[in-house]
Amino acid sequence: MAQVATHTIDINGKAFRVRIGWNAVRRLEEILRIPITVLGAKMLGGDCGLMELGLVFWAGLETARIHDKSRPEPYSVEEVGNMIDDFGADAFFDIVYPQLLVALTEAFPSVKKKAESGEGPLAEALAGIGTDSSATPQTTA
């Protein structure tokens, strides 16, 4: 069962709240048609595509918006894509992606426990939040 992880991500002087819990996971599973365990493994392994990463950010933003009643209109996937474009790839992969990894693993404590023990790719992300590209996913040629 997922717990709730809420993070405020500061990008270019703006704060964005994301909330990863049951509702965000449900949104992701409905859209991606894969279990959260598969998505989590892909994220931890650096094997997620841009669509999946953008949707994780969208699901976290939208779930926080509804919970916090922070704005009346929903976030669209297109709007979140434009936000990512405005942040720039470096900010997204150096700031947002590691925070999403941490939030996702906080929602699933058994995964976080493994990472905190120094095992797996997330261990680097947990140690490197806010540093240069330590959690940037691998690229394929």
C-alpha atoms as a PDB file:
ATOM      1  CA  MET A   1       0.000   0.000   0.000  1.00  0.00           C
ATOM      2  CA  ALA A   2       1.311   3.408  -0.928  1.00  0.00           C
ATOM      3  CA  GLN A   3       1.940   6.107   1.617  1.00  0.00           C
ATOM      4  CA  VAL A   4       1.806   9.780   0.688  1.00  0.00           C
ATOM      5  CA  ALA A   5       4.916  11.782  -0.155  1.00  0.00           C
ATOM      6  CA  THR A   6       4.594  15.520  -0.725  1.00  0.00           C
ATOM      7  CA  HIS A   7       7.497  17.588  -2.016  1.00  0.00           C
ATOM      8  CA  THR A   8       7.911  21.196  -3.022  1.00  0.00           C
ATOM      9  CA  ILE A   9      10.254  21.482  -5.974  1.00  0.00           C
ATOM     10  CA  ASP A  10      11.852  24.878  -6.587  1.00  0.00           C
ATOM     11  CA  ILE A  11      12.705  25.563 -10.213  1.00  0.00           C
ATOM     12  CA  ASN A  12      13.856  28.912 -11.552  1.00  0.00           C
ATOM     13  CA  GLY A  13      12.432  30.718  -8.514  1.00  0.00           C
ATOM     14  CA  LYS A  14       9.002  29.040  -8.659  1.00  0.00           C
ATOM     15  CA  ALA A  15       7.730  26.436  -6.207  1.00  0.00           C
ATOM     16  CA  PHE A  16       5.779  23.435  -7.443  1.00  0.00           C
ATOM     17  CA  ARG A  17       4.140  20.957  -5.050  1.00  0.00           C
ATOM     18  CA  VAL A  18       3.912  17.318  -6.033  1.00  0.00           C
ATOM     19  CA  ARG A  19       2.017  14.675  -4.113  1.00  0.00           C
ATOM     20  CA  ILE A  20       2.676  11.008  -4.773  1.00  0.00           C
ATOM     21  CA  GLY A  21       0.241   8.599  -3.146  1.00  0.00           C
ATOM     22  CA  TRP A  22      -2.668   6.396  -4.090  1.00  0.00           C
ATOM     23  CA  ASN A  23      -4.342   8.954  -6.382  1.00  0.00           C
ATOM     24  CA  ALA A  24      -1.165   9.803  -8.296  1.00  0.00           C
ATOM     25  CA  VAL A  25      -0.350   6.100  -8.670  1.00  0.00           C
ATOM     26  CA  ARG A  26      -3.886   5.394  -9.897  1.00  0.00           C
ATOM     27  CA  ARG A  27      -3.591   8.188 -12.474  1.00  0.00           C
ATOM     28  CA  LEU A  28      -0.277   6.811 -13.715  1.00  0.00           C
ATOM     29  CA  GLU A  29      -1.484   3.223 -13.948  1.00  0.00           C
ATOM     30  CA  GLU A  30      -4.654   4.315 -15.813  1.00  0.00           C
ATOM     31  CA  ILE A  31      -2.705   6.309 -18.400  1.00  0.00           C
ATOM     32  CA  LEU A  32       0.392   4.164 -18.818  1.00  0.00           C
ATOM     33  CA  ARG A  33      -1.394   0.820 -18.457  1.00  0.00           C
ATOM     34  CA  ILE A  34       1.511  -0.627 -16.457  1.00  0.00           C
ATOM     35  CA  PRO A  35       1.747  -1.374 -12.739  1.00  0.00           C
ATOM     36  CA  ILE A  36       3.539   1.166 -10.581  1.00  0.00           C
ATOM     37  CA  THR A  37       6.110  -1.508  -9.752  1.00  0.00           C
ATOM     38  CA  VAL A  38       7.126  -1.639 -13.428  1.00  0.00           C
ATOM     39  CA  LEU A  39       7.263   2.158 -13.674  1.00  0.00           C
ATOM     40  CA  GLY A  40       9.248   2.371 -10.435  1.00  0.00           C
ATOM     41  CA  ALA A  41      11.764  -0.197 -11.656  1.00  0.00           C
ATOM     42  CA  LYS A  42      12.163   1.736 -14.911  1.00  0.00           C
ATOM     43  CA  MET A  43      12.695   4.995 -13.032  1.00  0.00           C
ATOM     44  CA  LEU A  44      15.182   3.431 -10.633  1.00  0.00           C
ATOM     45  CA  GLY A  45      17.081   1.888 -13.527  1.00  0.00           C
ATOM     46  CA  GLY A  46      17.173   5.139 -15.508  1.00  0.00           C
ATOM     47  CA  ASP A  47      15.121   3.476 -18.256  1.00  0.00           C
ATOM     48  CA  CYS A  48      12.098   5.795 -18.339  1.00  0.00           C
ATOM     49  CA  GLY A  49      11.179   7.701 -21.436  1.00  0.00           C
ATOM     50  CA  LEU A  50      10.307  11.372 -21.467  1.00  0.00           C
ATOM     51  CA  MET A  51       6.602  10.574 -21.730  1.00  0.00           C
ATOM     52  CA  GLU A  52       6.697   8.528 -18.527  1.00  0.00           C
ATOM     53  CA  LEU A  53       8.767  11.088 -16.617  1.00  0.00           C
ATOM     54  CA  GLY A  54       6.503  13.921 -17.717  1.00  0.00           C
ATOM     55  CA  LEU A  55       3.435  11.941 -16.666  1.00  0.00           C
ATOM     56  CA  VAL A  56       4.891  11.262 -13.211  1.00  0.00           C
ATOM     57  CA  PHE A  57       5.436  15.016 -12.801  1.00  0.00           C
ATOM     58  CA  TRP A  58       1.914  15.710 -14.107  1.00  0.00           C
ATOM     59  CA  ALA A  59       0.318  13.133 -11.780  1.00  0.00           C
ATOM     60  CA  GLY A  60       2.170  14.582  -8.785  1.00  0.00           C
ATOM     61  CA  LEU A  61       1.220  18.166  -9.653  1.00  0.00           C
ATOM     62  CA  GLU A  62      -2.421  17.304 -10.360  1.00  0.00           C
ATOM     63  CA  THR A  63      -2.804  15.238  -7.193  1.00  0.00           C
ATOM     64  CA  ALA A  64      -1.321  18.074  -5.103  1.00  0.00           C
ATOM     65  CA  ARG A  65      -3.581  20.611  -6.864  1.00  0.00           C
ATOM     66  CA  ILE A  66      -6.712  18.641  -5.998  1.00  0.00           C
ATOM     67  CA  HIS A  67      -5.624  17.904  -2.427  1.00  0.00           C
ATOM     68  CA  ASP A  68      -4.439  21.443  -1.664  1.00  0.00           C
ATOM     69  CA  LYS A  69      -7.169  23.157  -3.715  1.00  0.00           C
ATOM     70  CA  SER A  70      -4.381  25.344  -5.068  1.00  0.00           C
ATOM     71  CA  ARG A  71      -6.002  26.296  -8.361  1.00  0.00           C
ATOM     72  CA  PRO A  72      -9.391  25.714  -9.958  1.00  0.00           C
ATOM     73  CA  GLU A  73      -8.303  24.375 -13.343  1.00  0.00           C
ATOM     74  CA  PRO A  74      -6.596  21.009 -13.744  1.00  0.00           C
ATOM     75  CA  TYR A  75      -3.065  20.702 -15.053  1.00  0.00           C
ATOM     76  CA  SER A  76      -3.066  19.311 -18.568  1.00  0.00           C
ATOM     77  CA  VAL A  77      -0.315  17.040 -19.812  1.00  0.00           C
ATOM     78  CA  GLU A  78       0.409  19.662 -22.487  1.00  0.00           C
ATOM     79  CA  GLU A  79       0.759  22.408 -19.860  1.00  0.00           C
ATOM     80  CA  VAL A  80       3.172  20.286 -17.831  1.00  0.00           C
ATOM     81  CA  GLY A  81       5.169  19.578 -21.013  1.00  0.00           C
ATOM     82  CA  ASN A  82       5.406  23.327 -21.628  1.00  0.00           C
ATOM     83  CA  MET A  83       6.554  23.823 -18.035  1.00  0.00           C
ATOM     84  CA  ILE A  84       9.293  21.237 -18.547  1.00  0.00           C
ATOM     85  CA  ASP A  85      10.347  23.001 -21.767  1.00  0.00           C
ATOM     86  CA  ASP A  86      10.464  26.309 -19.891  1.00  0.00           C
ATOM     87  CA  PHE A  87      12.578  24.785 -17.065  1.00  0.00           C
ATOM     88  CA  GLY A  88      15.032  23.338 -19.553  1.00  0.00           C
ATOM     89  CA  ALA A  89      16.371  19.795 -19.719  1.00  0.00           C
ATOM     90  CA  ASP A  90      19.161  20.423 -17.186  1.00  0.00           C
ATOM     91  CA  ALA A  91      16.749  21.705 -14.529  1.00  0.00           C
ATOM     92  CA  PHE A  92      14.310  18.889 -15.180  1.00  0.00           C
ATOM     93  CA  PHE A  93      16.890  16.113 -14.955  1.00  0.00           C
ATOM     94  CA  ASP A  94      19.002  17.681 -12.187  1.00  0.00           C
ATOM     95  CA  ILE A  95      16.178  18.971  -9.958  1.00  0.00           C
ATOM     96  CA  VAL A  96      12.767  17.522 -10.834  1.00  0.00           C
ATOM     97  CA  TYR A  97      13.696  13.938 -11.737  1.00  0.00           C
ATOM     98  CA  PRO A  98      15.618  13.223  -8.496  1.00  0.00           C
ATOM     99  CA  GLN A  99      12.803  14.748  -6.423  1.00  0.00           C
ATOM    100  CA  LEU A 100      10.245  12.581  -8.233  1.00  0.00           C
ATOM    101  CA  LEU A 101      12.400   9.518  -7.541  1.00  0.00           C
ATOM    102  CA  VAL A 102      12.565  10.380  -3.859  1.00  0.00           C
ATOM    103  CA  ALA A 103       8.813  11.080  -3.656  1.00  0.00           C
ATOM    104  CA  LEU A 104       7.994   7.815  -5.407  1.00  0.00           C
ATOM    105  CA  THR A 105      10.210   5.824  -3.074  1.00  0.00           C
ATOM    106  CA  GLU A 106       8.823   7.599  -0.006  1.00  0.00           C
ATOM    107  CA  ALA A 107       5.388   6.471  -1.147  1.00  0.00           C
ATOM    108  CA  PHE A 108       6.768   2.915  -1.099  1.00  0.00           C
ATOM    109  CA  PRO A 109       8.968   2.631   2.031  1.00  0.00           C
ATOM    110  CA  SER A 110      10.404  -0.808   1.210  1.00  0.00           C
ATOM    111  CA  VAL A 111      12.026   0.640  -1.927  1.00  0.00           C
ATOM    112  CA  LYS A 112      13.367   3.609   0.017  1.00  0.00           C
ATOM    113  CA  LYS A 113      14.807   1.350   2.719  1.00  0.00           C
ATOM    114  CA  LYS A 114      16.754  -0.591   0.094  1.00  0.00           C
ATOM    115  CA  ALA A 115      18.087   2.638  -1.425  1.00  0.00           C
ATOM    116  CA  GLU A 116      19.100   4.090   1.943  1.00  0.00           C
ATOM    117  CA  SER A 117      21.146   0.971   2.623  1.00  0.00           C
ATOM    118  CA  GLY A 118      23.274   1.972  -0.386  1.00  0.00           C
ATOM    119  CA  GLU A 119      21.790  -0.522  -2.820  1.00  0.00           C
ATOM    120  CA  GLY A 120      20.623   0.326  -6.317  1.00  0.00           C
ATOM    121  CA  PRO A 121      20.611   3.409  -8.512  1.00  0.00           C
ATOM    122  CA  LEU A 122      18.337   5.386  -6.202  1.00  0.00           C
ATOM    123  CA  ALA A 123      21.086   5.460  -3.568  1.00  0.00           C
ATOM    124  CA  GLU A 124      22.953   7.934  -5.809  1.00  0.00           C
ATOM    125  CA  ALA A 125      19.827  10.041  -6.325  1.00  0.00           C
ATOM    126  CA  LEU A 126      19.171  10.224  -2.592  1.00  0.00           C
ATOM    127  CA  ALA A 127      22.775  11.275  -1.993  1.00  0.00           C
ATOM    128  CA  GLY A 128      22.939  13.696  -4.917  1.00  0.00           C
ATOM    129  CA  ILE A 129      19.754  15.773  -4.786  1.00  0.00           C
ATOM    130  CA  GLY A 130      20.623  19.293  -5.834  1.00  0.00           C
ATOM    131  CA  THR A 131      23.982  18.401  -7.338  1.00  0.00           C
ATOM    132  CA  ASP A 132      25.013  18.269 -10.959  1.00  0.00           C
ATOM    133  CA  SER A 133      23.324  15.490 -12.916  1.00  0.00           C
ATOM    134  CA  SER A 134      24.060  12.700 -10.432  1.00  0.00           C
ATOM    135  CA  ALA A 135      20.577  11.343 -11.047  1.00  0.00           C
ATOM    136  CA  THR A 136      20.301  12.049 -14.752  1.00  0.00           C
ATOM    137  CA  PRO A 137      18.895   8.966 -16.432  1.00  0.00           C
ATOM    138  CA  GLN A 138      21.115   7.049 -18.803  1.00  0.00           C
ATOM    139  CA  THR A 139      20.687   7.817 -22.469  1.00  0.00           C
ATOM    140  CA  THR A 140      20.764   5.345 -25.275  1.00  0.00           C
ATOM    141  CA  ALA A 141      22.585   5.887 -28.517  1.00  0.00           C
END
